[in-house]
């Protein structure tokens, strides 16, 4: 009995550390808790086996942890209920869902089940989905071909020890690319506010290299006040200037993947609106975790 209690206590501690989540007390001996964290080059994974427990991630835990991620949850065995915002997903074996680490959520494992949470850097979601509405806590059925392909790609990537950093990063991006249409299911007719936001995003892209690309100019070109522009972005959890900077950094990253060593890093940053090389290097490392030079070497 003592060994059983120790096992439960160990599982409990691991799960309460999982993604900064707090756990409601397990009941009796029905609680199962096991967490295994692993890395496959650029793939960061947490395999959770749990049962008879709820996990909660509140705004307090979010404020104390790193929220620069989305979790792509692959249900391997059993079932789980996941809630975020006003949505609830009931995952069955083979299903997939997406969780935003920057917003509160809960996970309920009634019976023993097993799932993998794949950590996806926020910038990858931003690059591929371009801030269109993403349906988190929505179950993607195992019957969908893209879900089946993503499961196979994940398993093959985890079992292949010869994958390079670049190859594992490409596998991660491929999985998100496969799932993106399902994550972005929306009504055909968009609300006026959403159409206006997409217009502003397109305007920013069209003038991303311009020195005049500032909130005041964007607001004037879009026929709105600066305050309305800020409010529009704030409703999506964004800041206008930060969005422009991140978009420029993403384009710099794309350029670094294809340019030769003879092209100066400062020149690449300058061509996308970064007039100060030191600021460019610092901002790039904050977003991608490595310097521009190291990032370029990955693709050689």
Protein backbone atom coordinates (compact mmCIF):
# COMPACT_ATOMS: atom_id res chain seq x y z
CA UNK A 1 0.00 0.00 0.00
CA UNK A 2 2.87 2.36 0.84
CA UNK A 3 4.41 1.77 -2.59
CA UNK A 4 1.06 2.53 -4.19
CA UNK A 5 0.77 5.82 -2.28
CA UNK A 6 4.33 6.76 -3.24
CA UNK A 7 3.55 6.04 -6.89
CA UNK A 8 0.44 8.22 -6.72
CA UNK A 9 2.37 11.02 -5.00
CA UNK A 10 5.13 10.88 -7.63
CA UNK A 11 2.62 11.00 -10.47
CA UNK A 12 0.81 13.84 -8.74
CA UNK A 13 3.95 15.99 -8.49
CA UNK A 14 4.84 15.41 -12.13
CA UNK A 15 1.38 16.33 -13.37
CA UNK A 16 1.22 19.50 -11.30
CA UNK A 17 4.44 20.58 -13.02
CA UNK A 18 3.00 19.79 -16.45
CA UNK A 19 2.80 23.06 -18.37
CA UNK A 20 2.29 24.99 -15.14
CA UNK A 21 -1.01 23.27 -14.47
CA UNK A 22 -2.69 22.88 -11.08
CA UNK A 23 -4.45 19.62 -10.31
CA UNK A 24 -7.54 18.92 -8.22
CA UNK A 25 -6.97 16.33 -5.51
CA UNK A 26 -7.31 12.74 -6.74
CA UNK A 27 -9.96 10.57 -5.13
CA UNK A 28 -9.04 7.32 -3.43
CA UNK A 29 -6.79 4.97 -5.38
CA UNK A 30 -8.30 5.67 -8.77
CA UNK A 31 -5.76 8.31 -9.68
CA UNK A 32 -3.15 7.58 -12.34
CA UNK A 33 -0.46 10.10 -13.14
CA UNK A 34 2.67 9.75 -15.24
CA UNK A 35 4.53 12.35 -17.28
CA UNK A 36 7.44 11.78 -19.64
CA UNK A 37 9.13 14.71 -21.39
CA UNK A 38 11.27 14.03 -24.45
CA UNK A 39 13.01 15.87 -27.26
CA UNK A 40 13.49 14.78 -30.85
CA UNK A 41 15.65 17.61 -32.14
CA UNK A 42 13.17 20.47 -32.71
CA UNK A 43 10.24 18.38 -31.48
CA UNK A 44 9.41 18.96 -27.80
CA UNK A 45 6.96 16.40 -26.43
CA UNK A 46 5.18 15.53 -23.21
CA UNK A 47 3.58 12.09 -22.94
CA UNK A 48 0.89 12.04 -20.25
CA UNK A 49 -0.76 8.93 -18.83
CA UNK A 50 -3.50 9.90 -16.40
CA UNK A 51 -6.90 8.92 -15.04
CA UNK A 52 -9.38 10.07 -12.39
CA UNK A 53 -8.17 13.66 -12.31
CA UNK A 54 -8.80 17.19 -13.60
CA UNK A 55 -6.00 19.58 -14.51
CA UNK A 56 -6.50 23.34 -14.56
CA UNK A 57 -4.33 26.08 -16.00
CA UNK A 58 -5.43 29.45 -14.61
CA UNK A 59 -4.36 32.99 -15.47
CA UNK A 60 -2.12 32.95 -12.40
CA UNK A 61 -0.15 29.95 -13.69
CA UNK A 62 -0.01 31.49 -17.17
CA UNK A 63 1.51 34.69 -15.76
CA UNK A 64 4.22 32.64 -14.04
CA UNK A 65 5.16 30.44 -17.01
CA UNK A 66 6.10 30.53 -20.67
CA UNK A 67 3.02 31.03 -22.83
CA UNK A 68 4.87 31.26 -26.17
CA UNK A 69 3.46 27.89 -27.25
CA UNK A 70 0.48 26.05 -28.57
CA UNK A 71 -0.03 22.42 -27.55
CA UNK A 72 -1.08 20.01 -30.28
CA UNK A 73 -2.64 17.14 -28.34
CA UNK A 74 -2.57 13.65 -29.92
CA UNK A 75 -4.86 11.21 -28.10
CA UNK A 76 -3.15 7.80 -28.12
CA UNK A 77 -5.37 5.73 -25.80
CA UNK A 78 -8.62 6.23 -23.92
CA UNK A 79 -10.41 9.58 -23.88
CA UNK A 80 -10.09 13.07 -22.43
CA UNK A 81 -12.21 16.22 -22.13
CA UNK A 82 -10.47 19.50 -22.88
CA UNK A 83 -12.03 22.93 -22.33
CA UNK A 84 -10.78 26.35 -23.43
CA UNK A 85 -12.74 29.57 -23.89
CA UNK A 86 -16.30 28.47 -24.66
CA UNK A 87 -15.35 25.22 -26.39
CA UNK A 88 -15.16 21.66 -25.14
CA UNK A 89 -13.47 18.81 -27.01
CA UNK A 90 -14.05 15.15 -26.20
CA UNK A 91 -10.96 13.40 -27.52
CA UNK A 92 -11.10 9.72 -28.36
CA UNK A 93 -8.23 7.49 -29.47
CA UNK A 94 -6.67 8.91 -32.63
CA UNK A 95 -8.20 12.40 -32.32
CA UNK A 96 -6.22 15.67 -32.20
CA UNK A 97 -6.90 19.11 -30.74
CA UNK A 98 -5.05 22.39 -30.20
CA UNK A 99 -4.59 24.32 -26.94
CA UNK A 100 -3.33 27.91 -26.63
CA UNK A 101 -0.88 28.12 -23.71
CA UNK A 102 -1.66 31.82 -23.25
CA UNK A 103 -5.28 31.19 -22.21
CA UNK A 104 -6.85 29.25 -19.33
CA UNK A 105 -7.84 25.65 -19.99
CA UNK A 106 -8.76 22.42 -18.23
CA UNK A 107 -8.22 18.75 -19.00
CA UNK A 108 -10.33 15.97 -17.48
CA UNK A 109 -9.21 12.33 -17.58
CA UNK A 110 -12.07 10.26 -16.15
CA UNK A 111 -10.49 6.91 -16.94
CA UNK A 112 -6.90 5.98 -17.59
CA UNK A 113 -5.80 7.45 -20.91
CA UNK A 114 -2.62 8.40 -22.73
CA UNK A 115 -1.82 11.38 -24.95
CA UNK A 116 1.11 13.28 -26.41
CA UNK A 117 1.30 17.06 -26.23
CA UNK A 118 3.53 18.46 -28.99
CA UNK A 119 4.78 21.96 -28.21
CA UNK A 120 4.46 24.26 -31.22
CA UNK A 121 6.23 27.65 -31.02
CA UNK A 122 3.71 30.47 -31.35
CA UNK A 123 5.60 32.00 -34.29
CA UNK A 124 4.99 28.87 -36.39
CA UNK A 125 1.24 29.15 -35.83
CA UNK A 126 1.43 32.87 -36.60
CA UNK A 127 3.42 32.29 -39.79
CA UNK A 128 1.10 29.62 -41.12
CA UNK A 129 -2.29 30.86 -39.92
CA UNK A 130 -1.68 34.61 -40.22
CA UNK A 131 -3.85 35.44 -37.22
CA UNK A 132 -7.02 34.08 -38.73
CA UNK A 133 -9.28 32.64 -36.06
CA UNK A 134 -8.05 29.27 -34.83
CA UNK A 135 -10.43 26.77 -33.26
CA UNK A 136 -8.77 25.60 -30.06
CA UNK A 137 -10.35 22.84 -27.96
CA UNK A 138 -12.09 21.45 -31.04
CA UNK A 139 -11.74 17.71 -31.63
CA UNK A 140 -10.33 16.77 -35.03
CA UNK A 141 -11.60 13.27 -35.78
CA UNK A 142 -9.24 10.37 -36.38
CA UNK A 143 -11.24 9.71 -39.57
CA UNK A 144 -9.81 12.85 -41.22
CA UNK A 145 -6.96 12.00 -43.64
CA UNK A 146 -4.90 14.98 -42.43
CA UNK A 147 -5.22 13.79 -38.83
CA UNK A 148 -4.08 10.29 -39.79
CA UNK A 149 -1.11 11.69 -41.72
CA UNK A 150 -0.13 13.92 -38.79
CA UNK A 151 -0.22 10.96 -36.39
CA UNK A 152 2.04 8.92 -38.68
CA UNK A 153 4.42 11.83 -39.21
CA UNK A 154 4.71 12.39 -35.47
CA UNK A 155 5.38 8.73 -34.69
CA UNK A 156 7.93 8.37 -37.47
CA UNK A 157 9.70 11.56 -36.40
CA UNK A 158 9.87 10.38 -32.78
CA UNK A 159 11.33 7.01 -33.77
CA UNK A 160 13.90 8.36 -36.24
CA UNK A 161 17.08 9.16 -34.32
CA UNK A 162 18.84 10.37 -37.47
CA UNK A 163 16.63 13.43 -38.00
CA UNK A 164 18.59 16.69 -38.12
CA UNK A 165 17.40 19.91 -36.46
CA UNK A 166 16.32 21.21 -39.83
CA UNK A 167 14.45 18.02 -40.71
CA UNK A 168 12.62 17.85 -37.38
CA UNK A 169 11.66 21.51 -37.68
CA UNK A 170 10.34 20.80 -41.18
CA UNK A 171 8.34 17.85 -39.81
CA UNK A 172 6.80 20.11 -37.16
CA UNK A 173 5.83 22.72 -39.75
CA UNK A 174 4.43 20.00 -42.02
CA UNK A 175 2.16 18.72 -39.25
CA UNK A 176 0.76 22.20 -38.64
CA UNK A 177 0.35 22.74 -42.37
CA UNK A 178 -1.63 19.49 -42.61
CA UNK A 179 -3.91 20.42 -39.71
CA UNK A 180 -4.31 24.12 -40.49
CA UNK A 181 -7.47 23.82 -42.66
CA UNK A 182 -9.24 21.91 -39.88
CA UNK A 183 -8.08 24.33 -37.17
CA UNK A 184 -9.38 27.26 -39.24
CA UNK A 185 -12.89 26.03 -40.05
CA UNK A 186 -15.08 29.12 -40.09
CA UNK A 187 -18.26 30.44 -41.64
CA UNK A 188 -17.88 31.31 -45.32
CA UNK A 189 -19.22 34.82 -44.70
CA UNK A 190 -16.88 36.57 -42.27
CA UNK A 191 -18.10 39.31 -39.91
CA UNK A 192 -17.33 42.84 -41.05
CA UNK A 193 -14.80 43.32 -38.25
CA UNK A 194 -12.88 40.19 -39.29
CA UNK A 195 -12.82 41.29 -42.94
CA UNK A 196 -11.50 44.67 -41.84
CA UNK A 197 -8.78 43.02 -39.77
CA UNK A 198 -7.70 40.85 -42.69
CA UNK A 199 -7.59 43.98 -44.88
CA UNK A 200 -5.26 45.67 -42.38
CA UNK A 201 -3.03 42.59 -42.18
CA UNK A 202 -2.80 42.51 -46.00
CA UNK A 203 -1.97 46.23 -46.03
CA UNK A 204 0.85 45.66 -43.56
CA UNK A 205 2.22 42.83 -45.69
CA UNK A 206 2.11 44.97 -48.84
CA UNK A 207 4.15 47.72 -47.15
CA UNK A 208 6.22 45.64 -44.72
CA UNK A 209 9.51 47.08 -46.03
CA UNK A 210 8.35 50.69 -45.88
CA UNK A 211 9.77 53.04 -43.25
CA UNK A 212 6.38 54.77 -43.08
CA UNK A 213 4.69 51.60 -41.81
CA UNK A 214 3.45 52.92 -38.48
CA UNK A 215 0.10 52.72 -36.68
CA UNK A 216 -0.82 56.27 -37.67
CA UNK A 217 -0.24 55.57 -41.37
CA UNK A 218 -2.04 52.21 -41.24
CA UNK A 219 -5.06 53.78 -39.52
CA UNK A 220 -5.26 56.58 -42.10
CA UNK A 221 -4.97 54.16 -45.02
CA UNK A 222 -7.66 51.93 -43.51
CA UNK A 223 -10.10 54.75 -42.80
CA UNK A 224 -10.15 54.37 -39.03
CA UNK A 225 -8.80 56.11 -35.97
CA UNK A 226 -5.55 55.02 -34.34
CA UNK A 227 -7.54 54.10 -31.23
CA UNK A 228 -9.82 51.84 -33.28
CA UNK A 229 -6.77 50.19 -34.86
CA UNK A 230 -5.25 49.46 -31.46
CA UNK A 231 -8.58 48.12 -30.20
CA UNK A 232 -8.94 45.84 -33.22
CA UNK A 233 -5.55 44.24 -32.56
CA UNK A 234 -6.08 44.14 -28.79
CA UNK A 235 -9.23 42.05 -29.28
CA UNK A 236 -6.98 39.37 -30.78
CA UNK A 237 -4.40 39.72 -28.01
CA UNK A 238 -2.02 41.65 -30.28
CA UNK A 239 -0.18 44.95 -30.32
CA UNK A 240 0.19 46.68 -33.70
CA UNK A 241 3.89 47.52 -33.42
CA UNK A 242 4.70 44.06 -32.05
CA UNK A 243 2.82 42.41 -34.90
CA UNK A 244 4.78 44.43 -37.48
CA UNK A 245 8.08 43.57 -35.79
CA UNK A 246 7.26 39.86 -35.60
CA UNK A 247 6.13 39.79 -39.22
CA UNK A 248 9.40 41.41 -40.29
CA UNK A 249 11.37 38.92 -38.19
CA UNK A 250 9.50 36.02 -39.81
CA UNK A 251 10.40 37.34 -43.27
CA UNK A 252 14.02 37.80 -42.18
CA UNK A 253 14.03 34.17 -41.06
CA UNK A 254 12.74 33.05 -44.45
CA UNK A 255 15.45 35.10 -46.16
CA UNK A 256 18.16 33.62 -43.93
CA UNK A 257 17.17 30.12 -45.01
CA UNK A 258 18.03 30.86 -48.63
CA UNK A 259 20.80 33.49 -48.62
CA UNK A 260 24.50 32.75 -48.91
CA UNK A 261 27.15 33.52 -46.31
CA UNK A 262 28.37 36.43 -48.43
CA UNK A 263 25.20 38.41 -47.73
CA UNK A 264 25.61 40.44 -44.55
CA UNK A 265 23.19 39.84 -41.72
CA UNK A 266 22.83 43.56 -41.14
CA UNK A 267 21.81 43.99 -44.77
CA UNK A 268 19.09 41.36 -44.46
CA UNK A 269 17.71 43.03 -41.35
CA UNK A 270 17.86 46.45 -42.97
CA UNK A 271 15.97 45.26 -46.04
CA UNK A 272 13.04 44.30 -43.78
CA UNK A 273 12.95 47.49 -41.74
CA UNK A 274 15.57 46.95 -39.01
CA UNK A 275 17.91 49.93 -39.24
CA UNK A 276 19.87 48.98 -36.10
CA UNK A 277 21.74 45.66 -36.35
CA UNK A 278 22.05 45.24 -32.58
CA UNK A 279 18.30 45.68 -32.17
CA UNK A 280 17.70 43.24 -35.03
CA UNK A 281 19.92 40.55 -33.49
CA UNK A 282 18.34 40.94 -30.05
CA UNK A 283 14.77 40.85 -31.39
CA UNK A 284 15.54 37.86 -33.62
CA UNK A 285 16.99 35.84 -30.75
CA UNK A 286 13.99 36.65 -28.56
CA UNK A 287 11.63 35.30 -31.22
CA UNK A 288 13.58 32.28 -32.50
CA UNK A 289 15.86 31.42 -29.59
CA UNK A 290 19.08 31.77 -31.62
CA UNK A 291 21.03 34.59 -33.28
CA UNK A 292 20.51 35.35 -37.00
CA UNK A 293 23.93 33.89 -37.80
CA UNK A 294 23.25 30.63 -35.97
CA UNK A 295 19.81 30.39 -37.57
CA UNK A 296 21.35 30.71 -41.04
CA UNK A 297 23.94 28.03 -40.26
CA UNK A 298 21.12 25.57 -39.53
CA UNK A 299 20.15 25.70 -43.19
CA UNK A 300 23.62 25.08 -44.61
